[in-house]
């Protein structure tokens, strides 16, 4: 079962990664891969894992140019939207 919000998060992160270099690019690509992986699982991921991604995206947004930061924030919003569907907390 694919979760569209996570897939959208991954797409947005790949777009942002294409517009930057270095460590932020590597981290964005890693988070995109992680979101893709989580989107394909039958079981929803736990809040802890999603929180780790969400906080990582917040950190990256502060380290990149404003346009990339905007893209990262869009991805973060999609992730937050998905998190609202996860039971618990």
PDB file of N, CA and C in Angstrom:
ATOM      1  N   UNK A   1       0.842  -1.177   0.000  1.00  0.00           N
ATOM      2  CA  UNK A   1       0.000   0.000   0.000  1.00  0.00           C
ATOM      3  C   UNK A   1       0.890   1.244   0.000  1.00  0.00           C
ATOM      4  N   UNK A   2       0.663   2.117  -0.933  1.00  0.00           N
ATOM      5  CA  UNK A   2       1.459   3.342  -1.017  1.00  0.00           C
ATOM      6  C   UNK A   2       0.720   4.485  -0.343  1.00  0.00           C
ATOM      7  N   UNK A   3       1.454   5.300   0.353  1.00  0.00           N
ATOM      8  CA  UNK A   3       0.894   6.470   1.020  1.00  0.00           C
ATOM      9  C   UNK A   3       1.261   7.690   0.199  1.00  0.00           C
ATOM     10  N   UNK A   4       0.266   8.326  -0.405  1.00  0.00           N
ATOM     11  CA  UNK A   4       0.532   9.401  -1.359  1.00  0.00           C
ATOM     12  C   UNK A   4       1.241  10.599  -0.738  1.00  0.00           C
ATOM     13  N   UNK A   5       0.944  10.924   0.524  1.00  0.00           N
ATOM     14  CA  UNK A   5       1.611  12.069   1.143  1.00  0.00           C
ATOM     15  C   UNK A   5       3.112  11.831   1.282  1.00  0.00           C
ATOM     16  N   UNK A   6       3.479  10.586   1.595  1.00  0.00           N
ATOM     17  CA  UNK A   6       4.909  10.257   1.692  1.00  0.00           C
ATOM     18  C   UNK A   6       5.565  10.271   0.313  1.00  0.00           C
ATOM     19  N   UNK A   7       4.850   9.796  -0.680  1.00  0.00           N
ATOM     20  CA  UNK A   7       5.389   9.838  -2.043  1.00  0.00           C
ATOM     21  C   UNK A   7       5.580  11.289  -2.485  1.00  0.00           C
ATOM     22  N   UNK A   8       4.617  12.133  -2.153  1.00  0.00           N
ATOM     23  CA  UNK A   8       4.727  13.551  -2.499  1.00  0.00           C
ATOM     24  C   UNK A   8       5.905  14.189  -1.773  1.00  0.00           C
ATOM     25  N   UNK A   9       6.093  13.825  -0.515  1.00  0.00           N
ATOM     26  CA  UNK A   9       7.244  14.323   0.243  1.00  0.00           C
ATOM     27  C   UNK A   9       8.536  13.954  -0.469  1.00  0.00           C
ATOM     28  N   UNK A  10       8.651  12.706  -0.888  1.00  0.00           N
ATOM     29  CA  UNK A  10       9.861  12.238  -1.578  1.00  0.00           C
ATOM     30  C   UNK A  10      10.089  13.012  -2.875  1.00  0.00           C
ATOM     31  N   UNK A  11       9.020  13.242  -3.636  1.00  0.00           N
ATOM     32  CA  UNK A  11       9.145  13.986  -4.894  1.00  0.00           C
ATOM     33  C   UNK A  11       9.657  15.406  -4.640  1.00  0.00           C
ATOM     34  N   UNK A  12       9.061  16.058  -3.652  1.00  0.00           N
ATOM     35  CA  UNK A  12       9.473  17.428  -3.336  1.00  0.00           C
ATOM     36  C   UNK A  12      10.923  17.483  -2.859  1.00  0.00           C
ATOM     37  N   UNK A  13      11.328  16.484  -2.093  1.00  0.00           N
ATOM     38  CA  UNK A  13      12.715  16.453  -1.612  1.00  0.00           C
ATOM     39  C   UNK A  13      13.691  16.230  -2.759  1.00  0.00           C
ATOM     40  N   UNK A  14      13.320  15.422  -3.722  1.00  0.00           N
ATOM     41  CA  UNK A  14      14.192  15.218  -4.887  1.00  0.00           C
ATOM     42  C   UNK A  14      14.323  16.501  -5.711  1.00  0.00           C
ATOM     43  N   UNK A  15      13.222  17.225  -5.830  1.00  0.00           N
ATOM     44  CA  UNK A  15      13.275  18.507  -6.544  1.00  0.00           C
ATOM     45  C   UNK A  15      14.201  19.482  -5.815  1.00  0.00           C
ATOM     46  N   UNK A  16      14.092  19.519  -4.503  1.00  0.00           N
ATOM     47  CA  UNK A  16      14.952  20.410  -3.716  1.00  0.00           C
ATOM     48  C   UNK A  16      16.412  19.976  -3.827  1.00  0.00           C
ATOM     49  N   UNK A  17      16.661  18.666  -3.764  1.00  0.00           N
ATOM     50  CA  UNK A  17      18.030  18.154  -3.852  1.00  0.00           C
ATOM     51  C   UNK A  17      18.667  18.510  -5.190  1.00  0.00           C
ATOM     52  N   UNK A  18      17.867  18.536  -6.235  1.00  0.00           N
ATOM     53  CA  UNK A  18      18.396  18.868  -7.568  1.00  0.00           C
ATOM     54  C   UNK A  18      18.890  20.306  -7.636  1.00  0.00           C
ATOM     55  N   UNK A  19      18.405  21.139  -6.730  1.00  0.00           N
ATOM     56  CA  UNK A  19      18.758  22.561  -6.734  1.00  0.00           C
ATOM     57  C   UNK A  19      19.832  22.936  -5.716  1.00  0.00           C
ATOM     58  N   UNK A  20      20.484  21.940  -5.111  1.00  0.00           N
ATOM     59  CA  UNK A  20      21.547  22.260  -4.162  1.00  0.00           C
ATOM     60  C   UNK A  20      22.689  21.257  -4.304  1.00  0.00           C
ATOM     61  N   UNK A  21      23.741  21.460  -3.529  1.00  0.00           N
ATOM     62  CA  UNK A  21      24.924  20.614  -3.620  1.00  0.00           C
ATOM     63  C   UNK A  21      25.394  20.231  -2.218  1.00  0.00           C
ATOM     64  N   UNK A  22      26.413  19.402  -2.191  1.00  0.00           N
ATOM     65  CA  UNK A  22      27.078  19.065  -0.937  1.00  0.00           C
ATOM     66  C   UNK A  22      26.236  18.258   0.029  1.00  0.00           C
ATOM     67  N   UNK A  23      26.490  18.512   1.309  1.00  0.00           N
ATOM     68  CA  UNK A  23      25.819  17.768   2.380  1.00  0.00           C
ATOM     69  C   UNK A  23      24.295  17.925   2.353  1.00  0.00           C
ATOM     70  N   UNK A  24      23.756  19.140   2.143  1.00  0.00           N
ATOM     71  CA  UNK A  24      22.299  19.244   2.072  1.00  0.00           C
ATOM     72  C   UNK A  24      21.697  18.363   0.973  1.00  0.00           C
ATOM     73  N   UNK A  25      22.354  18.303  -0.169  1.00  0.00           N
ATOM     74  CA  UNK A  25      21.871  17.468  -1.271  1.00  0.00           C
ATOM     75  C   UNK A  25      21.843  15.999  -0.850  1.00  0.00           C
ATOM     76  N   UNK A  26      22.918  15.529  -0.232  1.00  0.00           N
ATOM     77  CA  UNK A  26      22.979  14.132   0.212  1.00  0.00           C
ATOM     78  C   UNK A  26      21.886  13.824   1.224  1.00  0.00           C
ATOM     79  N   UNK A  27      21.698  14.734   2.169  1.00  0.00           N
ATOM     80  CA  UNK A  27      20.672  14.515   3.204  1.00  0.00           C
ATOM     81  C   UNK A  27      19.271  14.514   2.597  1.00  0.00           C
ATOM     82  N   UNK A  28      19.003  15.439   1.694  1.00  0.00           N
ATOM     83  CA  UNK A  28      17.687  15.487   1.057  1.00  0.00           C
ATOM     84  C   UNK A  28      17.424  14.217   0.259  1.00  0.00           C
ATOM     85  N   UNK A  29      18.426  13.755  -0.468  1.00  0.00           N
ATOM     86  CA  UNK A  29      18.263  12.517  -1.227  1.00  0.00           C
ATOM     87  C   UNK A  29      18.029  11.330  -0.298  1.00  0.00           C
ATOM     88  N   UNK A  30      18.732  11.308   0.823  1.00  0.00           N
ATOM     89  CA  UNK A  30      18.546  10.236   1.795  1.00  0.00           C
ATOM     90  C   UNK A  30      17.149  10.240   2.388  1.00  0.00           C
ATOM     91  N   UNK A  31      16.655  11.423   2.743  1.00  0.00           N
ATOM     92  CA  UNK A  31      15.297  11.514   3.276  1.00  0.00           C
ATOM     93  C   UNK A  31      14.261  11.157   2.207  1.00  0.00           C
ATOM     94  N   UNK A  32      14.513  11.532   0.958  1.00  0.00           N
ATOM     95  CA  UNK A  32      13.602  11.171  -0.131  1.00  0.00           C
ATOM     96  C   UNK A  32      13.535   9.651  -0.279  1.00  0.00           C
ATOM     97  N   UNK A  33      14.691   8.994  -0.255  1.00  0.00           N
ATOM     98  CA  UNK A  33      14.719   7.532  -0.348  1.00  0.00           C
ATOM     99  C   UNK A  33      13.982   6.889   0.818  1.00  0.00           C
ATOM    100  N   UNK A  34      14.180   7.447   2.000  1.00  0.00           N
ATOM    101  CA  UNK A  34      13.520   6.916   3.193  1.00  0.00           C
ATOM    102  C   UNK A  34      11.997   7.070   3.083  1.00  0.00           C
ATOM    103  N   UNK A  35      11.533   8.204   2.603  1.00  0.00           N
ATOM    104  CA  UNK A  35      10.093   8.411   2.434  1.00  0.00           C
ATOM    105  C   UNK A  35       9.513   7.458   1.390  1.00  0.00           C
ATOM    106  N   UNK A  36      10.245   7.243   0.306  1.00  0.00           N
ATOM    107  CA  UNK A  36       9.792   6.275  -0.699  1.00  0.00           C
ATOM    108  C   UNK A  36       9.659   4.885  -0.098  1.00  0.00           C
ATOM    109  N   UNK A  37      10.659   4.494   0.671  1.00  0.00           N
ATOM    110  CA  UNK A  37      10.634   3.181   1.314  1.00  0.00           C
ATOM    111  C   UNK A  37       9.441   3.053   2.256  1.00  0.00           C
ATOM    112  N   UNK A  38       9.222   4.081   3.064  1.00  0.00           N
ATOM    113  CA  UNK A  38       8.109   4.065   4.014  1.00  0.00           C
ATOM    114  C   UNK A  38       6.761   4.063   3.297  1.00  0.00           C
ATOM    115  N   UNK A  39       6.687   4.719   2.154  1.00  0.00           N
ATOM    116  CA  UNK A  39       5.432   4.793   1.399  1.00  0.00           C
ATOM    117  C   UNK A  39       5.004   3.438   0.847  1.00  0.00           C
ATOM    118  N   UNK A  40       5.942   2.548   0.651  1.00  0.00           N
ATOM    119  CA  UNK A  40       5.630   1.246   0.066  1.00  0.00           C
ATOM    120  C   UNK A  40       5.306   0.169   1.097  1.00  0.00           C
ATOM    121  N   UNK A  41       5.494   0.462   2.347  1.00  0.00           N
ATOM    122  CA  UNK A  41       5.205  -0.517   3.395  1.00  0.00           C
ATOM    123  C   UNK A  41       3.708  -0.622   3.642  1.00  0.00           C
ATOM    124  N   UNK A  42       3.295  -1.786   4.107  1.00  0.00           N
ATOM    125  CA  UNK A  42       1.898  -1.950   4.470  1.00  0.00           C
ATOM    126  C   UNK A  42       1.589  -1.268   5.796  1.00  0.00           C
ATOM    127  N   UNK A  43       2.523  -1.340   6.720  1.00  0.00           N
ATOM    128  CA  UNK A  43       2.329  -0.755   8.045  1.00  0.00           C
ATOM    129  C   UNK A  43       2.821   0.695   8.029  1.00  0.00           C
ATOM    130  N   UNK A  44       2.016   1.576   8.621  1.00  0.00           N
ATOM    131  CA  UNK A  44       2.428   2.975   8.701  1.00  0.00           C
ATOM    132  C   UNK A  44       3.654   3.090   9.601  1.00  0.00           C
ATOM    133  N   UNK A  45       4.563   4.005   9.263  1.00  0.00           N
ATOM    134  CA  UNK A  45       5.738   4.215  10.112  1.00  0.00           C
ATOM    135  C   UNK A  45       5.340   4.833  11.446  1.00  0.00           C
ATOM    136  N   UNK A  46       6.221   4.698  12.420  1.00  0.00           N
ATOM    137  CA  UNK A  46       5.922   5.261  13.733  1.00  0.00           C
ATOM    138  C   UNK A  46       6.273   6.748  13.775  1.00  0.00           C
ATOM    139  N   UNK A  47       5.733   7.409  14.781  1.00  0.00           N
ATOM    140  CA  UNK A  47       5.944   8.851  14.927  1.00  0.00           C
ATOM    141  C   UNK A  47       7.412   9.207  15.136  1.00  0.00           C
ATOM    142  N   UNK A  48       8.157   8.347  15.816  1.00  0.00           N
ATOM    143  CA  UNK A  48       9.560   8.630  16.070  1.00  0.00           C
ATOM    144  C   UNK A  48      10.359   8.768  14.784  1.00  0.00           C
ATOM    145  N   UNK A  49      10.127   7.851  13.876  1.00  0.00           N
ATOM    146  CA  UNK A  49      10.852   7.899  12.601  1.00  0.00           C
ATOM    147  C   UNK A  49      10.434   9.117  11.781  1.00  0.00           C
ATOM    148  N   UNK A  50       9.150   9.395  11.762  1.00  0.00           N
ATOM    149  CA  UNK A  50       8.668  10.560  11.020  1.00  0.00           C
ATOM    150  C   UNK A  50       9.174  11.857  11.638  1.00  0.00           C
ATOM    151  N   UNK A  51       9.258  11.883  12.962  1.00  0.00           N
ATOM    152  CA  UNK A  51       9.773  13.070  13.648  1.00  0.00           C
ATOM    153  C   UNK A  51      11.234  13.312  13.296  1.00  0.00           C
ATOM    154  N   UNK A  52      11.990  12.244  13.198  1.00  0.00           N
ATOM    155  CA  UNK A  52      13.407  12.371  12.825  1.00  0.00           C
ATOM    156  C   UNK A  52      13.538  13.022  11.447  1.00  0.00           C
ATOM    157  N   UNK A  53      12.719  12.584  10.514  1.00  0.00           N
ATOM    158  CA  UNK A  53      12.746  13.170   9.167  1.00  0.00           C
ATOM    159  C   UNK A  53      12.297  14.630   9.226  1.00  0.00           C
ATOM    160  N   UNK A  54      11.208  14.871   9.917  1.00  0.00           N
ATOM    161  CA  UNK A  54      10.661  16.224  10.019  1.00  0.00           C
ATOM    162  C   UNK A  54      11.684  17.193  10.603  1.00  0.00           C
ATOM    163  N   UNK A  55      12.349  16.801  11.669  1.00  0.00           N
ATOM    164  CA  UNK A  55      13.363  17.667  12.283  1.00  0.00           C
ATOM    165  C   UNK A  55      14.573  17.841  11.377  1.00  0.00           C
ATOM    166  N   UNK A  56      14.963  16.789  10.688  1.00  0.00           N
ATOM    167  CA  UNK A  56      16.074  16.895   9.741  1.00  0.00           C
ATOM    168  C   UNK A  56      15.775  17.891   8.632  1.00  0.00           C
ATOM    169  N   UNK A  57      14.533  17.875   8.158  1.00  0.00           N
ATOM    170  CA  UNK A  57      14.151  18.820   7.110  1.00  0.00           C
ATOM    171  C   UNK A  57      14.169  20.255   7.628  1.00  0.00           C
ATOM    172  N   UNK A  58      13.768  20.437   8.864  1.00  0.00           N
ATOM    173  CA  UNK A  58      13.814  21.774   9.472  1.00  0.00           C
ATOM    174  C   UNK A  58      15.257  22.280   9.529  1.00  0.00           C
ATOM    175  N   UNK A  59      16.178  21.405   9.912  1.00  0.00           N
ATOM    176  CA  UNK A  59      17.598  21.777   9.972  1.00  0.00           C
ATOM    177  C   UNK A  59      18.126  22.152   8.592  1.00  0.00           C
ATOM    178  N   UNK A  60      17.813  21.330   7.607  1.00  0.00           N
ATOM    179  CA  UNK A  60      18.308  21.566   6.245  1.00  0.00           C
ATOM    180  C   UNK A  60      17.779  22.886   5.704  1.00  0.00           C
ATOM    181  N   UNK A  61      16.515  23.185   5.978  1.00  0.00           N
ATOM    182  CA  UNK A  61      15.910  24.420   5.462  1.00  0.00           C
ATOM    183  C   UNK A  61      16.684  25.655   5.914  1.00  0.00           C
ATOM    184  N   UNK A  62      17.323  25.573   7.060  1.00  0.00           N
ATOM    185  CA  UNK A  62      18.105  26.702   7.542  1.00  0.00           C
ATOM    186  C   UNK A  62      19.490  26.806   6.936  1.00  0.00           C
ATOM    187  N   UNK A  63      19.895  25.764   6.196  1.00  0.00           N
ATOM    188  CA  UNK A  63      21.253  25.707   5.646  1.00  0.00           C
ATOM    189  C   UNK A  63      21.324  25.896   4.135  1.00  0.00           C
ATOM    190  N   UNK A  64      20.196  26.164   3.501  1.00  0.00           N
ATOM    191  CA  UNK A  64      20.174  26.261   2.038  1.00  0.00           C
ATOM    192  C   UNK A  64      19.607  27.608   1.611  1.00  0.00           C
ATOM    193  N   UNK A  65      19.699  27.895   0.322  1.00  0.00           N
ATOM    194  CA  UNK A  65      19.182  29.172  -0.160  1.00  0.00           C
ATOM    195  C   UNK A  65      17.657  29.210  -0.045  1.00  0.00           C
ATOM    196  N   UNK A  66      17.077  30.394  -0.089  1.00  0.00           N
ATOM    197  CA  UNK A  66      15.636  30.556   0.157  1.00  0.00           C
ATOM    198  C   UNK A  66      14.724  29.724  -0.754  1.00  0.00           C
ATOM    199  N   UNK A  67      15.067  29.580  -2.010  1.00  0.00           N
ATOM    200  CA  UNK A  67      14.212  28.798  -2.920  1.00  0.00           C
ATOM    201  C   UNK A  67      14.208  27.321  -2.529  1.00  0.00           C
ATOM    202  N   UNK A  68      15.369  26.777  -2.237  1.00  0.00           N
ATOM    203  CA  UNK A  68      15.455  25.376  -1.804  1.00  0.00           C
ATOM    204  C   UNK A  68      14.758  25.223  -0.459  1.00  0.00           C
ATOM    205  N   UNK A  69      14.926  26.192   0.425  1.00  0.00           N
ATOM    206  CA  UNK A  69      14.264  26.146   1.727  1.00  0.00           C
ATOM    207  C   UNK A  69      12.747  26.098   1.560  1.00  0.00           C
ATOM    208  N   UNK A  70      12.228  26.845   0.604  1.00  0.00           N
ATOM    209  CA  UNK A  70      10.786  26.832   0.332  1.00  0.00           C
ATOM    210  C   UNK A  70      10.337  25.439  -0.102  1.00  0.00           C
ATOM    211  N   UNK A  71      11.127  24.799  -0.964  1.00  0.00           N
ATOM    212  CA  UNK A  71      10.805  23.444  -1.418  1.00  0.00           C
ATOM    213  C   UNK A  71      10.849  22.453  -0.252  1.00  0.00           C
ATOM    214  N   UNK A  72      11.847  22.603   0.595  1.00  0.00           N
ATOM    215  CA  UNK A  72      11.984  21.719   1.752  1.00  0.00           C
ATOM    216  C   UNK A  72      10.792  21.906   2.689  1.00  0.00           C
ATOM    217  N   UNK A  73      10.363  23.139   2.877  1.00  0.00           N
ATOM    218  CA  UNK A  73       9.213  23.398   3.747  1.00  0.00           C
ATOM    219  C   UNK A  73       7.932  22.810   3.165  1.00  0.00           C
ATOM    220  N   UNK A  74       7.792  22.826   1.848  1.00  0.00           N
ATOM    221  CA  UNK A  74       6.635  22.186   1.217  1.00  0.00           C
ATOM    222  C   UNK A  74       6.652  20.682   1.493  1.00  0.00           C
ATOM    223  N   UNK A  75       7.819  20.083   1.386  1.00  0.00           N
ATOM    224  CA  UNK A  75       7.951  18.650   1.669  1.00  0.00           C
ATOM    225  C   UNK A  75       7.631  18.372   3.131  1.00  0.00           C
ATOM    226  N   UNK A  76       8.097  19.233   3.994  1.00  0.00           N
ATOM    227  CA  UNK A  76       7.845  19.077   5.426  1.00  0.00           C
ATOM    228  C   UNK A  76       6.345  19.159   5.723  1.00  0.00           C
ATOM    229  N   UNK A  77       5.649  20.061   5.052  1.00  0.00           N
ATOM    230  CA  UNK A  77       4.200  20.171   5.225  1.00  0.00           C
ATOM    231  C   UNK A  77       3.483  18.901   4.768  1.00  0.00           C
ATOM    232  N   UNK A  78       3.945  18.315   3.664  1.00  0.00           N
ATOM    233  CA  UNK A  78       3.349  17.062   3.190  1.00  0.00           C
ATOM    234  C   UNK A  78       3.584  15.946   4.208  1.00  0.00           C
ATOM    235  N   UNK A  79       4.760  15.936   4.802  1.00  0.00           N
ATOM    236  CA  UNK A  79       5.077  14.938   5.822  1.00  0.00           C
ATOM    237  C   UNK A  79       4.194  15.138   7.059  1.00  0.00           C
ATOM    238  N   UNK A  80       4.023  16.369   7.468  1.00  0.00           N
ATOM    239  CA  UNK A  80       3.169  16.666   8.619  1.00  0.00           C
ATOM    240  C   UNK A  80       1.731  16.236   8.329  1.00  0.00           C
ATOM    241  N   UNK A  81       1.283  16.460   7.121  1.00  0.00           N
ATOM    242  CA  UNK A  81      -0.056  16.030   6.725  1.00  0.00           C
ATOM    243  C   UNK A  81      -0.194  14.514   6.863  1.00  0.00           C
ATOM    244  N   UNK A  82       0.825  13.796   6.437  1.00  0.00           N
ATOM    245  CA  UNK A  82       0.788  12.338   6.586  1.00  0.00           C
ATOM    246  C   UNK A  82       0.789  11.941   8.054  1.00  0.00           C
ATOM    247  N   UNK A  83       1.616  12.588   8.838  1.00  0.00           N
ATOM    248  CA  UNK A  83       1.719  12.260  10.267  1.00  0.00           C
ATOM    249  C   UNK A  83       0.383  12.354  10.975  1.00  0.00           C
ATOM    250  N   UNK A  84      -0.468  13.240  10.532  1.00  0.00           N
ATOM    251  CA  UNK A  84      -1.786  13.388  11.158  1.00  0.00           C
ATOM    252  C   UNK A  84      -2.641  12.139  10.987  1.00  0.00           C
ATOM    253  N   UNK A  85      -2.284  11.277  10.021  1.00  0.00           N
ATOM    254  CA  UNK A  85      -3.050  10.053   9.778  1.00  0.00           C
ATOM    255  C   UNK A  85      -2.507   8.863  10.560  1.00  0.00           C
ATOM    256  N   UNK A  86      -1.364   9.054  11.204  1.00  0.00           N
ATOM    257  CA  UNK A  86      -0.721   7.963  11.947  1.00  0.00           C
ATOM    258  C   UNK A  86      -1.284   7.921  13.364  1.00  0.00           C
ATOM    259  N   UNK A  87      -1.767   6.747  13.787  1.00  0.00           N
ATOM    260  CA  UNK A  87      -2.326   6.656  15.132  1.00  0.00           C
ATOM    261  C   UNK A  87      -1.262   6.869  16.206  1.00  0.00           C
ATOM    262  N   UNK A  88      -1.717   7.321  17.352  1.00  0.00           N
ATOM    263  CA  UNK A  88      -0.812   7.538  18.478  1.00  0.00           C
ATOM    264  C   UNK A  88      -0.535   9.010  18.678  1.00  0.00           C
ATOM    265  N   UNK A  89       0.242   9.283  19.678  1.00  0.00           N
ATOM    266  CA  UNK A  89       0.628  10.624  20.113  1.00  0.00           C
ATOM    267  C   UNK A  89      -0.499  11.627  20.008  1.00  0.00           C
TER     268      UNK A  89
END
